[in-house]
Amino acid sequence: MKYIGLQRQIQRNNFNSFLLLIAFPALLLGMFYVIIYFITRDSASGYSGGNYPGSMDRNSVFLSVVPFILIGVGIWLLIAWAGHAAFIRLATGAKQLDRRENKRVYNLVENLCISKGMKMPKINIINDDSLNAFASGIDEKSYSITLSSGIINKLNDEELEGVIAHELSHIRNRDTRVLIISIIFVGIFAFLAEIAFRSLRFAGRGKKDSKGGGAIILIAIIITAVAYLISMLLRFGISRKREYLADAGAADMTKKPYALASALKKISADPYIEAVENRDIAQLFIDNPQVSNRKSGSWDNLFSTHPPIEKRIGLLEQFV
């Protein structure tokens, strides 16, 4: 098998992620088109001479709503883009860590950044005795690394350096930006599915002549649910391979793959962060903070945003 360098793999993964990100708005527009198809189907079938006039009407309806869909998505993206840092801090209970509070952590981050010519990100801490960490941000002003107090206190310097290098690799590879965009799009589909479900509940309380409207709403629920599931699968495709590349980037940065492997073993024993209840935020962490003791062959792993941690450890230990 031909060897592919780390940078080449990162470039290929970024290109594939770009294609997956394009799939989100395409899926959104496709979802609305299918909903419009079912809404206009009955009226279209009433024309004599086939479906052509109805099809033209359906397409014109779709084209007329596309600008409103794009404007709505654009506003959603702008709000989420501008407020993502505050939302993540609220969702995780993270607080900014001052240099005077922990010079050890600052020195580790600073030395790694200097070695790679990176601007130092902000450092945050979650007051939790479990072991976990994540990187976030969309540009140099918002990039940050968040560590739990447990991971700081329970890892030695080499292990903590490996974890920090892993998170810095996510920033260098622009993973945090891509993941945040995917989180925003999945949130849009979840919001639309919730609206459709609530609409059906309200329709059920209406008059008997609302059966037709209820059927349309039921169809909309099915379509949005399928679109939401597909968006989740797209998100999994974006996030899972990036963990392997960040592990490889950390090993390359520190030249100590054994240190990160040792850190991952300790993290896998207790990754649970009580403050993290949002599944979307959970995908940012080095290991899922909501799920412990995952097995590589379990059903849940099929829908996991993280690859099995034992596989990651095994790959790192190959280089020891």
Protein backbone atom coordinates (compact mmCIF):
# COMPACT_ATOMS: atom_id res chain seq x y z
CA MET A 1 0.00 0.00 0.00
CA LYS A 2 1.36 3.43 -0.94
CA TYR A 3 2.27 5.59 2.06
CA ILE A 4 0.32 8.82 2.42
CA GLY A 5 1.86 11.51 4.64
CA LEU A 6 0.01 13.10 7.55
CA GLN A 7 -0.44 16.46 5.79
CA ARG A 8 -1.79 14.73 2.70
CA GLN A 9 -4.30 12.83 4.85
CA ILE A 10 -5.35 16.07 6.55
CA GLN A 11 -5.85 17.78 3.17
CA ARG A 12 -7.87 14.83 1.87
CA ASN A 13 -10.00 14.77 5.00
CA ASN A 14 -10.64 18.53 4.79
CA PHE A 15 -11.76 18.13 1.17
CA ASN A 16 -14.09 15.27 2.08
CA SER A 17 -15.44 17.33 4.99
CA PHE A 18 -16.07 20.23 2.60
CA LEU A 19 -18.15 17.93 0.40
CA LEU A 20 -20.08 16.72 3.45
CA LEU A 21 -20.72 20.31 4.55
CA ILE A 22 -22.15 21.08 1.11
CA ALA A 23 -24.45 18.09 1.61
CA PHE A 24 -26.13 19.79 4.61
CA PRO A 25 -27.77 22.69 2.67
CA ALA A 26 -28.48 20.31 -0.25
CA LEU A 27 -30.26 17.97 2.18
CA LEU A 28 -32.19 20.90 3.66
CA LEU A 29 -33.42 22.08 0.26
CA GLY A 30 -34.22 18.51 -0.77
CA MET A 31 -36.27 18.04 2.40
CA PHE A 32 -38.38 21.13 1.65
CA TYR A 33 -38.84 20.04 -1.96
CA VAL A 34 -40.19 16.65 -0.90
CA ILE A 35 -42.56 18.30 1.58
CA ILE A 36 -43.80 20.68 -1.14
CA TYR A 37 -44.21 17.70 -3.48
CA PHE A 38 -46.61 15.98 -1.10
CA ILE A 39 -48.50 19.22 -0.36
CA THR A 40 -49.05 19.97 -4.05
CA ARG A 41 -49.53 16.38 -5.23
CA ASP A 42 -53.30 16.29 -4.89
CA SER A 43 -53.82 19.58 -6.70
CA ALA A 44 -51.36 18.57 -9.40
CA SER A 45 -53.21 15.30 -10.12
CA GLY A 46 -56.39 17.25 -10.78
CA TYR A 47 -55.11 18.61 -14.09
CA SER A 48 -56.02 16.81 -17.29
CA GLY A 49 -53.29 15.64 -19.57
CA GLY A 50 -50.82 14.37 -16.98
CA ASN A 51 -48.67 15.82 -14.27
CA TYR A 52 -46.78 18.43 -16.26
CA PRO A 53 -48.78 21.52 -15.17
CA GLY A 54 -48.74 20.34 -11.56
CA SER A 55 -45.01 19.74 -11.77
CA MET A 56 -44.44 23.26 -13.04
CA ASP A 57 -46.55 24.65 -10.20
CA ARG A 58 -44.64 22.53 -7.68
CA ASN A 59 -41.30 23.79 -8.97
CA SER A 60 -42.47 27.40 -8.93
CA VAL A 61 -43.65 27.02 -5.32
CA PHE A 62 -40.29 25.52 -4.36
CA LEU A 63 -38.32 28.28 -6.12
CA SER A 64 -40.45 30.92 -4.42
CA VAL A 65 -39.65 29.59 -0.93
CA VAL A 66 -35.93 28.95 -1.54
CA PRO A 67 -34.91 32.58 -0.77
CA PHE A 68 -36.77 32.46 2.55
CA ILE A 69 -35.11 29.14 3.42
CA LEU A 70 -31.67 30.51 2.62
CA ILE A 71 -32.31 33.74 4.54
CA GLY A 72 -33.55 31.80 7.57
CA VAL A 73 -30.54 29.47 7.50
CA GLY A 74 -28.23 32.45 7.04
CA ILE A 75 -29.66 34.21 10.11
CA TRP A 76 -29.41 30.97 12.12
CA LEU A 77 -25.78 30.54 11.06
CA LEU A 78 -24.85 34.13 11.89
CA ILE A 79 -26.38 33.95 15.37
CA ALA A 80 -24.79 30.57 16.11
CA TRP A 81 -21.46 31.64 14.58
CA ALA A 82 -21.32 34.79 16.71
CA GLY A 83 -22.52 33.18 19.93
CA HIS A 84 -21.02 29.70 19.76
CA ALA A 85 -18.25 30.42 22.29
CA ALA A 86 -20.69 31.68 24.93
CA PHE A 87 -23.06 28.78 24.26
CA ILE A 88 -20.26 26.21 24.70
CA ARG A 89 -19.11 27.83 27.95
CA LEU A 90 -22.68 27.77 29.28
CA ALA A 91 -23.21 24.18 28.17
CA THR A 92 -20.01 22.95 29.82
CA GLY A 93 -19.69 25.31 32.80
CA ALA A 94 -16.17 26.21 31.66
CA LYS A 95 -14.28 29.15 33.17
CA GLN A 96 -11.18 30.86 31.82
CA LEU A 97 -7.96 29.69 33.47
CA ASP A 98 -5.57 32.44 34.48
CA ARG A 99 -1.83 31.94 34.02
CA ARG A 100 -1.23 32.62 37.71
CA GLU A 101 -3.69 29.87 38.65
CA ASN A 102 -1.77 27.13 36.84
CA LYS A 103 1.62 27.95 35.31
CA ARG A 104 2.18 24.25 34.55
CA VAL A 105 -0.69 24.10 32.06
CA TYR A 106 0.21 27.45 30.51
CA ASN A 107 3.84 26.42 30.03
CA LEU A 108 2.83 23.16 28.32
CA VAL A 109 0.45 24.94 25.94
CA GLU A 110 2.86 27.79 25.26
CA ASN A 111 5.83 25.53 24.52
CA LEU A 112 3.82 23.44 22.05
CA CYS A 113 2.48 26.57 20.32
CA ILE A 114 5.96 28.03 19.99
CA SER A 115 7.27 24.76 18.51
CA LYS A 116 4.62 24.96 15.75
CA GLY A 117 4.48 28.73 15.30
CA MET A 118 0.91 28.90 16.55
CA LYS A 119 -0.80 31.73 18.34
CA MET A 120 -1.66 30.57 21.84
CA PRO A 121 -5.38 29.83 22.30
CA LYS A 122 -7.38 30.70 25.40
CA ILE A 123 -7.32 28.08 28.14
CA ASN A 124 -10.50 27.16 30.02
CA ILE A 125 -11.17 24.77 32.87
CA ILE A 126 -14.20 22.68 33.82
CA ASN A 127 -14.43 22.07 37.55
CA ASP A 128 -14.98 18.31 37.31
CA ASP A 129 -12.88 15.47 38.72
CA SER A 130 -13.37 13.31 35.59
CA LEU A 131 -10.82 13.32 32.79
CA ASN A 132 -11.66 15.05 29.50
CA ALA A 133 -10.72 17.95 27.24
CA PHE A 134 -11.78 19.64 24.01
CA ALA A 135 -10.84 22.40 21.59
CA SER A 136 -13.27 24.91 20.09
CA GLY A 137 -13.36 28.13 18.08
CA ILE A 138 -13.62 29.36 14.51
CA ASP A 139 -10.67 31.79 14.30
CA GLU A 140 -7.61 32.94 16.25
CA LYS A 141 -9.74 35.25 18.40
CA SER A 142 -12.06 32.45 19.55
CA TYR A 143 -9.78 29.39 19.59
CA SER A 144 -9.65 27.80 23.02
CA ILE A 145 -8.63 24.61 24.78
CA THR A 146 -10.77 23.43 27.69
CA LEU A 147 -9.48 20.96 30.27
CA SER A 148 -11.25 19.36 33.20
CA SER A 149 -9.65 19.83 36.62
CA GLY A 150 -9.47 16.04 36.81
CA ILE A 151 -7.35 15.71 33.67
CA ILE A 152 -4.98 18.40 34.93
CA ASN A 153 -4.54 16.81 38.34
CA LYS A 154 -4.43 13.11 37.34
CA LEU A 155 -2.11 13.15 34.32
CA ASN A 156 1.64 13.58 34.47
CA ASP A 157 3.36 16.23 32.35
CA GLU A 158 4.00 13.97 29.33
CA GLU A 159 0.42 12.67 29.30
CA LEU A 160 -1.10 16.13 29.69
CA GLU A 161 1.20 17.44 26.98
CA GLY A 162 -0.10 14.69 24.65
CA VAL A 163 -3.72 15.67 25.35
CA ILE A 164 -2.97 19.37 24.78
CA ALA A 165 -1.13 18.50 21.54
CA HIS A 166 -4.20 16.52 20.41
CA GLU A 167 -6.43 19.56 20.96
CA LEU A 168 -3.95 21.91 19.28
CA SER A 169 -3.94 19.53 16.30
CA HIS A 170 -7.71 19.96 16.03
CA ILE A 171 -7.17 23.72 15.86
CA ARG A 172 -4.31 23.44 13.32
CA ASN A 173 -6.39 21.10 11.14
CA ARG A 174 -9.39 23.48 11.34
CA ASP A 175 -11.47 20.67 12.81
CA THR A 176 -13.13 22.91 15.37
CA ARG A 177 -14.54 25.20 12.68
CA VAL A 178 -15.91 22.30 10.63
CA LEU A 179 -17.41 20.57 13.66
CA ILE A 180 -19.13 23.74 14.85
CA ILE A 181 -20.68 24.25 11.39
CA SER A 182 -21.91 20.64 11.40
CA ILE A 183 -23.37 21.12 14.89
CA ILE A 184 -25.23 24.22 13.69
CA PHE A 185 -26.75 22.39 10.69
CA VAL A 186 -27.78 19.37 12.74
CA GLY A 187 -29.42 21.82 15.14
CA ILE A 188 -31.46 23.25 12.26
CA PHE A 189 -32.81 19.79 11.34
CA ALA A 190 -33.56 19.00 14.98
CA PHE A 191 -35.44 22.32 15.30
CA LEU A 192 -37.51 21.64 12.16
CA ALA A 193 -38.32 18.10 13.31
CA GLU A 194 -39.48 19.49 16.67
CA ILE A 195 -41.71 22.08 14.95
CA ALA A 196 -43.29 19.38 12.77
CA PHE A 197 -43.96 17.16 15.78
CA ARG A 198 -45.53 19.98 17.79
CA SER A 199 -47.68 20.95 14.79
CA LEU A 200 -49.12 17.44 14.66
CA ARG A 201 -50.06 17.64 18.34
CA PHE A 202 -51.87 20.94 17.79
CA ALA A 203 -53.57 19.60 14.65
CA GLY A 204 -54.88 16.63 16.63
CA ARG A 205 -56.74 19.00 18.94
CA GLY A 206 -58.49 20.72 16.02
CA LYS A 207 -61.70 19.99 14.16
CA LYS A 208 -62.48 16.83 12.24
CA ASP A 209 -62.03 18.59 8.90
CA SER A 210 -58.35 19.05 9.77
CA LYS A 211 -57.58 15.41 8.89
CA GLY A 212 -56.03 16.42 5.58
CA GLY A 213 -53.77 18.93 7.30
CA GLY A 214 -52.86 16.34 9.90
CA ALA A 215 -51.81 13.90 7.17
CA ILE A 216 -49.58 16.56 5.59
CA ILE A 217 -48.02 17.31 8.98
CA LEU A 218 -47.44 13.59 9.57
CA ILE A 219 -45.66 13.37 6.22
CA ALA A 220 -43.60 16.43 7.17
CA ILE A 221 -42.61 14.74 10.45
CA ILE A 222 -41.44 11.61 8.63
CA ILE A 223 -39.47 13.64 6.08
CA THR A 224 -37.82 15.88 8.69
CA ALA A 225 -37.02 12.86 10.88
CA VAL A 226 -35.32 11.12 7.95
CA ALA A 227 -33.44 14.32 7.08
CA TYR A 228 -32.37 14.69 10.71
CA LEU A 229 -31.06 11.11 10.75
CA ILE A 230 -29.13 11.70 7.52
CA SER A 231 -27.68 14.93 8.94
CA MET A 232 -26.51 12.97 12.00
CA LEU A 233 -24.80 10.44 9.76
CA LEU A 234 -23.11 13.26 7.84
CA ARG A 235 -21.88 14.67 11.15
CA PHE A 236 -20.48 11.28 12.15
CA GLY A 237 -18.65 11.12 8.83
CA ILE A 238 -17.08 14.50 9.50
CA SER A 239 -16.00 13.96 13.10
CA ARG A 240 -14.82 10.38 13.54
CA LYS A 241 -11.73 10.31 11.29
CA ARG A 242 -10.60 13.65 12.68
CA GLU A 243 -9.88 12.02 16.04
CA TYR A 244 -7.40 9.65 14.44
CA LEU A 245 -5.71 12.53 12.62
CA ALA A 246 -5.54 14.61 15.80
CA ASP A 247 -3.96 11.65 17.62
CA ALA A 248 -1.40 11.35 14.82
CA GLY A 249 -0.81 15.10 14.91
CA ALA A 250 -0.21 14.97 18.67
CA ALA A 251 2.28 12.11 18.29
CA ASP A 252 4.10 14.06 15.59
CA MET A 253 4.09 17.25 17.69
CA THR A 254 5.40 15.71 20.92
CA LYS A 255 7.31 12.71 19.47
CA LYS A 256 5.79 10.74 22.37
CA PRO A 257 2.90 8.60 21.10
CA TYR A 258 3.14 6.44 24.22
CA ALA A 259 2.28 9.46 26.39
CA LEU A 260 -1.02 10.12 24.59
CA ALA A 261 -1.82 6.38 24.60
CA SER A 262 -1.30 6.34 28.36
CA ALA A 263 -3.47 9.45 28.75
CA LEU A 264 -6.28 7.91 26.68
CA LYS A 265 -6.25 4.81 28.89
CA LYS A 266 -6.77 6.97 31.97
CA ILE A 267 -9.40 9.09 30.21
CA SER A 268 -11.37 6.02 29.06
CA ALA A 269 -11.75 4.95 32.70
CA ASP A 270 -13.59 8.14 33.65
CA PRO A 271 -14.54 10.55 30.82
CA TYR A 272 -17.97 11.49 32.21
CA ILE A 273 -18.47 15.25 32.70
CA GLU A 274 -21.64 15.94 34.69
CA ALA A 275 -22.15 19.44 33.26
CA VAL A 276 -22.28 18.21 29.65
CA GLU A 277 -25.86 17.28 28.71
CA ASN A 278 -25.81 18.43 25.09
CA ARG A 279 -24.93 15.65 22.64
CA ASP A 280 -23.69 18.12 20.04
CA ILE A 281 -21.18 19.65 22.45
CA ALA A 282 -20.09 16.15 23.52
CA GLN A 283 -18.62 15.47 20.08
CA LEU A 284 -15.97 18.16 20.65
CA PHE A 285 -14.32 16.26 23.52
CA ILE A 286 -11.30 13.97 23.22
CA ASP A 287 -13.62 11.15 24.37
CA ASN A 288 -17.39 11.30 24.61
CA PRO A 289 -18.11 12.72 28.09
CA GLN A 290 -21.61 11.21 28.16
CA VAL A 291 -20.72 7.59 27.47
CA SER A 292 -18.34 5.41 29.44
CA ASN A 293 -17.11 1.85 28.95
CA ARG A 294 -17.95 1.76 25.24
CA LYS A 295 -17.10 -1.44 23.43
CA SER A 296 -15.77 -1.35 19.90
CA GLY A 297 -18.39 -3.82 18.69
CA SER A 298 -21.42 -2.29 20.38
CA TRP A 299 -24.47 -1.01 18.48
CA ASP A 300 -24.04 2.44 20.04
CA ASN A 301 -20.62 2.74 18.44
CA LEU A 302 -22.24 2.76 14.98
CA PHE A 303 -23.80 6.13 15.83
CA SER A 304 -20.89 7.47 17.87
CA THR A 305 -19.11 10.71 17.00
CA HIS A 306 -15.88 9.17 18.32
CA PRO A 307 -14.03 6.07 17.11
CA PRO A 308 -13.49 3.35 19.75
CA ILE A 309 -10.85 4.64 22.14
CA GLU A 310 -9.17 1.22 22.37
CA LYS A 311 -8.53 1.37 18.60
CA ARG A 312 -6.96 4.80 19.00
CA ILE A 313 -4.75 3.50 21.82
CA GLY A 314 -3.76 0.48 19.73
CA LEU A 315 -2.69 2.67 16.79
CA LEU A 316 -0.58 4.90 19.03
CA GLU A 317 1.06 1.90 20.72
CA GLN A 318 2.20 0.62 17.32
CA PHE A 319 4.74 3.41 17.27
CA VAL A 320 6.09 2.80 20.78
